[in-house]
């Protein structure tokens, strides 16, 4: 058997690392991603509402629409959904308020976001790129990975 034939029939060491995981593990990976996709928009809204309340003292639908780059109708639809999920309370012509569950979600989402952002910065990613990338990645990282990222940030001495 020639070298070319051997390399085609036997997987290389690097190929085995990249091989398909066992079926149950693979299914769990996809289920985790689907779950993250289902909750990420909700988490983004709740996190932004929390940030607006913290930094501006109020969270108005117009501010959310402007910061998310969506229409006020889109924000109104999401606010109804957040109300149904008991994450926010709202009154006509008033600011939005987070419920206890909303506060907990906003805090957890903000912490995940900050870890991801600071991790990317510690790697040397520019602030602009890190902000864009962190916005989506925060929803797709497990707690174990976040813990490792946090230790890396601390060891690198990069704090912002």
Protein backbone atom coordinates (compact mmCIF):
# COMPACT_ATOMS: atom_id res chain seq x y z
CA UNK A 1 0.00 0.00 0.00
CA UNK A 2 1.44 3.37 -0.99
CA UNK A 3 1.73 6.31 1.45
CA UNK A 4 -1.13 8.08 -0.35
CA UNK A 5 -3.38 5.04 0.03
CA UNK A 6 -2.53 4.74 3.74
CA UNK A 7 -3.31 8.41 4.38
CA UNK A 8 -6.69 8.05 2.67
CA UNK A 9 -7.74 4.90 4.52
CA UNK A 10 -6.46 5.60 8.03
CA UNK A 11 -7.56 8.78 9.76
CA UNK A 12 -4.75 11.00 10.87
CA UNK A 13 -4.33 11.90 14.52
CA UNK A 14 -5.72 15.41 13.85
CA UNK A 15 -8.70 13.95 12.00
CA UNK A 16 -9.63 11.83 15.03
CA UNK A 17 -9.70 14.96 17.18
CA UNK A 18 -12.14 16.53 14.71
CA UNK A 19 -14.22 13.36 14.31
CA UNK A 20 -17.91 13.38 15.01
CA UNK A 21 -18.68 13.12 18.72
CA UNK A 22 -20.89 10.30 20.02
CA UNK A 23 -24.53 10.65 18.94
CA UNK A 24 -25.95 11.64 22.35
CA UNK A 25 -23.23 14.24 22.92
CA UNK A 26 -23.74 15.63 19.42
CA UNK A 27 -27.51 15.91 19.96
CA UNK A 28 -26.89 17.62 23.32
CA UNK A 29 -24.62 20.17 21.59
CA UNK A 30 -27.34 21.08 19.09
CA UNK A 31 -30.02 21.18 21.78
CA UNK A 32 -27.86 23.60 23.77
CA UNK A 33 -27.46 25.88 20.75
CA UNK A 34 -31.21 25.79 20.01
CA UNK A 35 -31.93 26.72 23.63
CA UNK A 36 -29.46 29.61 23.45
CA UNK A 37 -31.10 30.90 20.26
CA UNK A 38 -34.54 30.78 21.88
CA UNK A 39 -33.50 32.88 24.86
CA UNK A 40 -30.85 35.22 23.45
CA UNK A 41 -33.20 37.95 22.18
CA UNK A 42 -35.13 37.93 25.46
CA UNK A 43 -31.87 38.16 27.40
CA UNK A 44 -30.64 41.00 25.17
CA UNK A 45 -33.78 43.04 25.80
CA UNK A 46 -33.77 42.40 29.55
CA UNK A 47 -30.04 43.19 29.77
CA UNK A 48 -30.53 46.46 27.86
CA UNK A 49 -33.49 47.44 30.03
CA UNK A 50 -31.37 46.80 33.11
CA UNK A 51 -28.49 48.83 31.68
CA UNK A 52 -30.80 51.73 30.82
CA UNK A 53 -32.30 51.68 34.32
CA UNK A 54 -28.82 51.63 35.85
CA UNK A 55 -27.23 54.30 33.67
CA UNK A 56 -30.18 56.49 32.70
CA UNK A 57 -32.66 55.93 35.51
CA UNK A 58 -35.36 54.81 33.11
CA UNK A 59 -35.93 52.44 30.21
CA UNK A 60 -38.26 53.77 27.54
CA UNK A 61 -39.37 51.86 24.45
CA UNK A 62 -38.00 54.62 22.21
CA UNK A 63 -34.53 54.27 23.77
CA UNK A 64 -34.61 50.49 23.37
CA UNK A 65 -35.65 50.80 19.72
CA UNK A 66 -32.86 53.30 19.01
CA UNK A 67 -30.17 51.23 20.76
CA UNK A 68 -31.26 47.94 19.18
CA UNK A 69 -31.79 49.46 15.76
CA UNK A 70 -35.37 48.22 15.47
CA UNK A 71 -38.78 49.84 15.16
CA UNK A 72 -40.87 50.85 18.14
CA UNK A 73 -43.48 48.33 16.95
CA UNK A 74 -40.88 45.57 17.27
CA UNK A 75 -40.03 46.76 20.78
CA UNK A 76 -43.72 46.91 21.73
CA UNK A 77 -44.21 43.32 20.60
CA UNK A 78 -41.21 42.18 22.67
CA UNK A 79 -42.36 44.17 25.71
CA UNK A 80 -45.70 42.32 25.55
CA UNK A 81 -43.77 39.04 25.47
CA UNK A 82 -41.55 40.12 28.39
CA UNK A 83 -44.68 41.08 30.33
CA UNK A 84 -46.19 37.64 29.64
CA UNK A 85 -42.94 36.02 30.85
CA UNK A 86 -43.16 38.23 33.97
CA UNK A 87 -39.73 39.75 33.36
CA UNK A 88 -40.89 43.37 33.05
CA UNK A 89 -43.79 45.52 34.07
CA UNK A 90 -44.94 48.48 32.08
CA UNK A 91 -47.56 51.13 32.21
CA UNK A 92 -48.73 53.29 29.32
CA UNK A 93 -46.53 56.36 28.82
CA UNK A 94 -44.17 55.26 31.59
CA UNK A 95 -40.77 53.67 31.81
CA UNK A 96 -40.31 49.91 31.91
CA UNK A 97 -39.44 48.17 35.15
CA UNK A 98 -37.79 44.82 35.72
CA UNK A 99 -39.47 42.27 37.95
CA UNK A 100 -37.38 40.28 40.41
CA UNK A 101 -36.95 37.57 37.75
CA UNK A 102 -36.08 40.27 35.20
CA UNK A 103 -33.43 41.72 37.52
CA UNK A 104 -31.89 38.27 38.00
CA UNK A 105 -31.81 37.63 34.24
CA UNK A 106 -30.39 41.09 33.50
CA UNK A 107 -27.66 40.65 36.11
CA UNK A 108 -26.67 37.19 34.86
CA UNK A 109 -26.71 38.33 31.24
CA UNK A 110 -24.62 41.43 32.05
CA UNK A 111 -22.06 39.29 33.91
CA UNK A 112 -21.76 36.83 31.01
CA UNK A 113 -21.47 39.72 28.56
CA UNK A 114 -18.75 41.41 30.60
CA UNK A 115 -16.72 38.22 30.92
CA UNK A 116 -16.91 37.61 27.18
CA UNK A 117 -16.05 41.23 26.35
CA UNK A 118 -13.07 41.33 28.72
CA UNK A 119 -11.85 37.93 27.53
CA UNK A 120 -11.79 39.14 23.92
CA UNK A 121 -10.01 42.32 24.98
CA UNK A 122 -7.45 40.25 26.94
CA UNK A 123 -6.79 38.29 23.75
CA UNK A 124 -5.97 41.58 22.04
CA UNK A 125 -9.18 41.99 20.06
CA UNK A 126 -9.96 45.66 19.42
CA UNK A 127 -12.67 47.18 21.59
CA UNK A 128 -15.00 47.72 18.61
CA UNK A 129 -14.69 44.13 17.38
CA UNK A 130 -14.88 42.72 20.93
CA UNK A 131 -18.14 44.59 21.57
CA UNK A 132 -19.70 43.24 18.38
CA UNK A 133 -18.53 39.66 18.92
CA UNK A 134 -19.38 39.54 22.63
CA UNK A 135 -22.97 40.51 21.87
CA UNK A 136 -23.74 37.15 20.33
CA UNK A 137 -21.16 34.87 21.90
CA UNK A 138 -22.28 35.45 25.49
CA UNK A 139 -25.39 33.34 24.89
CA UNK A 140 -23.50 30.32 23.59
CA UNK A 141 -20.89 29.76 26.28
CA UNK A 142 -21.35 27.39 29.21
CA UNK A 143 -20.48 28.24 32.80
CA UNK A 144 -17.33 26.10 32.72
CA UNK A 145 -15.99 28.06 29.75
CA UNK A 146 -16.91 31.36 31.40
CA UNK A 147 -15.00 30.32 34.54
CA UNK A 148 -11.91 29.52 32.46
CA UNK A 149 -12.25 32.84 30.62
CA UNK A 150 -12.53 34.68 33.92
CA UNK A 151 -9.36 33.04 35.22
CA UNK A 152 -7.58 33.94 31.98
CA UNK A 153 -8.69 37.57 32.32
CA UNK A 154 -7.43 37.70 35.92
CA UNK A 155 -4.11 36.08 35.00
CA UNK A 156 -3.61 38.45 32.07
CA UNK A 157 -4.15 41.49 34.29
CA UNK A 158 -6.53 42.92 31.70
CA UNK A 159 -9.40 44.69 33.48
CA UNK A 160 -11.58 47.39 31.98
